[in-house]
Amino acid sequence: QVQLVESGGGLVQSGGSLRLSCAASRNIYGPMAWYRQPPGKQRELVASIPRGGSTNYADSVKGRFTISRENTKNTIDLQMNSLKPEDTAVYYCYAETAAKSYWGRGTQVTVSS
């Protein structure tokens, strides 16, 4: 089993920044990612990062968000800049192993206009 614990959410004004962190309870050799679920909408991919290799971003966050990974600490971060009200959502950490995939409980990000 893998536990994923997110931190760093909160309330911020439009144009502001937040940094989310996710800590895994053990080494993850597969990809990790951040997803989000806006109010009343489906969960969507924000950004993903393999253990080694190139990152992937949703078009809506390209140029504003940066995902990073520290394999020695089993963590991923999401630096979010130039936040917009439409970025308001619950943000979930995701990790994939050879056996199964795991989700964190989520952290709320609210961007006020």
Protein backbone atom coordinates (compact mmCIF):
# COMPACT_ATOMS: atom_id res chain seq x y z
CA GLN A 1 0.00 0.00 0.00
CA VAL A 2 1.00 3.59 -0.67
CA GLN A 3 -0.25 6.63 1.20
CA LEU A 4 -0.15 10.00 -0.52
CA VAL A 5 -0.46 13.13 1.60
CA GLU A 6 -1.01 16.52 -0.01
CA SER A 7 -0.32 19.90 1.55
CA GLY A 8 -0.15 23.54 0.54
CA GLY A 9 -3.68 24.37 -0.56
CA GLY A 10 -5.53 27.47 0.54
CA LEU A 11 -7.17 30.72 -0.49
CA VAL A 12 -5.34 33.13 -2.78
CA GLN A 13 -6.27 36.16 -4.85
CA SER A 14 -6.30 36.06 -8.62
CA GLY A 15 -2.77 36.49 -9.94
CA GLY A 16 -1.24 34.98 -6.83
CA SER A 17 0.83 31.84 -6.31
CA LEU A 18 0.61 28.63 -4.31
CA ARG A 19 2.85 25.60 -4.03
CA LEU A 20 1.37 22.16 -3.46
CA SER A 21 3.37 19.23 -2.14
CA CYS A 22 2.67 15.52 -2.08
CA ALA A 23 4.61 12.98 -0.04
CA ALA A 24 4.42 9.26 -0.78
CA SER A 25 4.93 6.68 1.96
CA ARG A 26 7.44 4.72 -0.11
CA ASN A 27 9.40 4.82 -3.36
CA ILE A 28 7.31 5.25 -6.49
CA TYR A 29 8.87 3.96 -9.68
CA GLY A 30 5.97 4.82 -11.96
CA PRO A 31 4.60 8.19 -12.97
CA MET A 32 3.15 10.68 -10.50
CA ALA A 33 0.73 13.46 -11.25
CA TRP A 34 -1.58 16.18 -10.03
CA TYR A 35 -5.25 16.08 -10.91
CA ARG A 36 -7.97 18.54 -9.97
CA GLN A 37 -11.74 18.50 -9.68
CA PRO A 38 -13.48 21.87 -10.00
CA PRO A 39 -16.89 22.28 -8.36
CA GLY A 40 -19.54 20.38 -10.29
CA LYS A 41 -17.06 19.06 -12.85
CA GLN A 42 -15.10 15.89 -13.52
CA ARG A 43 -11.60 15.25 -12.30
CA GLU A 44 -8.97 16.30 -14.85
CA LEU A 45 -5.25 15.91 -15.30
CA VAL A 46 -3.22 19.01 -14.43
CA ALA A 47 0.35 17.78 -14.84
CA SER A 48 2.26 14.50 -14.81
CA ILE A 49 5.89 13.55 -14.33
CA PRO A 50 7.60 10.20 -14.81
CA ARG A 51 10.43 9.04 -12.57
CA GLY A 52 12.78 10.29 -15.27
CA GLY A 53 11.83 12.10 -18.42
CA SER A 54 9.66 14.86 -19.73
CA THR A 55 6.66 16.39 -18.00
CA ASN A 56 3.17 16.85 -19.38
CA TYR A 57 0.70 19.68 -18.72
CA ALA A 58 -2.91 20.46 -19.43
CA ASP A 59 -3.19 23.27 -21.97
CA SER A 60 -5.01 25.41 -19.42
CA VAL A 61 -1.99 25.54 -17.07
CA LYS A 62 0.96 25.56 -19.49
CA GLY A 63 3.32 28.42 -18.73
CA ARG A 64 1.78 28.99 -15.29
CA PHE A 65 2.24 25.70 -13.40
CA THR A 66 5.42 23.68 -12.90
CA ILE A 67 5.54 20.11 -11.64
CA SER A 68 8.70 18.75 -10.05
CA ARG A 69 9.74 15.50 -8.46
CA GLU A 70 12.33 14.53 -5.86
CA ASN A 71 12.81 10.76 -6.08
CA THR A 72 15.07 10.56 -3.02
CA LYS A 73 12.29 12.05 -0.89
CA ASN A 74 9.33 10.41 -2.67
CA THR A 75 7.73 13.81 -3.24
CA ILE A 76 6.22 15.84 -6.04
CA ASP A 77 5.42 19.53 -5.97
CA LEU A 78 3.21 21.76 -8.08
CA GLN A 79 4.21 25.41 -8.29
CA MET A 80 1.18 27.40 -9.39
CA ASN A 81 1.66 30.98 -10.56
CA SER A 82 -0.69 33.54 -12.09
CA LEU A 83 -3.63 31.75 -10.55
CA LYS A 84 -7.09 32.35 -11.96
CA PRO A 85 -10.55 31.85 -10.44
CA GLU A 86 -11.04 28.93 -12.83
CA ASP A 87 -8.15 27.15 -11.11
CA THR A 88 -10.38 26.74 -8.06
CA ALA A 89 -10.66 23.01 -7.37
CA VAL A 90 -9.71 20.18 -5.10
CA TYR A 91 -6.23 19.09 -6.16
CA TYR A 92 -5.31 15.40 -5.88
CA CYS A 93 -1.94 13.71 -5.93
CA TYR A 94 -1.71 10.52 -7.99
CA ALA A 95 0.93 7.79 -8.12
CA GLU A 96 1.25 4.65 -10.18
CA THR A 97 3.07 1.44 -9.36
CA ALA A 98 3.36 -1.77 -11.32
CA ALA A 99 0.49 -3.22 -9.28
CA LYS A 100 -2.00 -0.36 -8.97
CA SER A 101 -2.62 3.36 -8.80
CA TYR A 102 -3.13 5.51 -5.72
CA TRP A 103 -4.81 8.80 -4.87
CA GLY A 104 -4.36 11.28 -2.09
CA ARG A 105 -7.32 12.75 -0.21
CA GLY A 106 -7.00 16.10 -1.93
CA THR A 107 -6.30 19.68 -0.94
CA GLN A 108 -8.58 22.63 -1.65
CA VAL A 109 -7.33 25.54 -3.75
CA THR A 110 -9.60 28.57 -3.95
CA VAL A 111 -8.75 31.56 -6.13
CA SER A 112 -10.78 34.70 -5.50
CA SER A 113 -11.38 37.29 -8.22
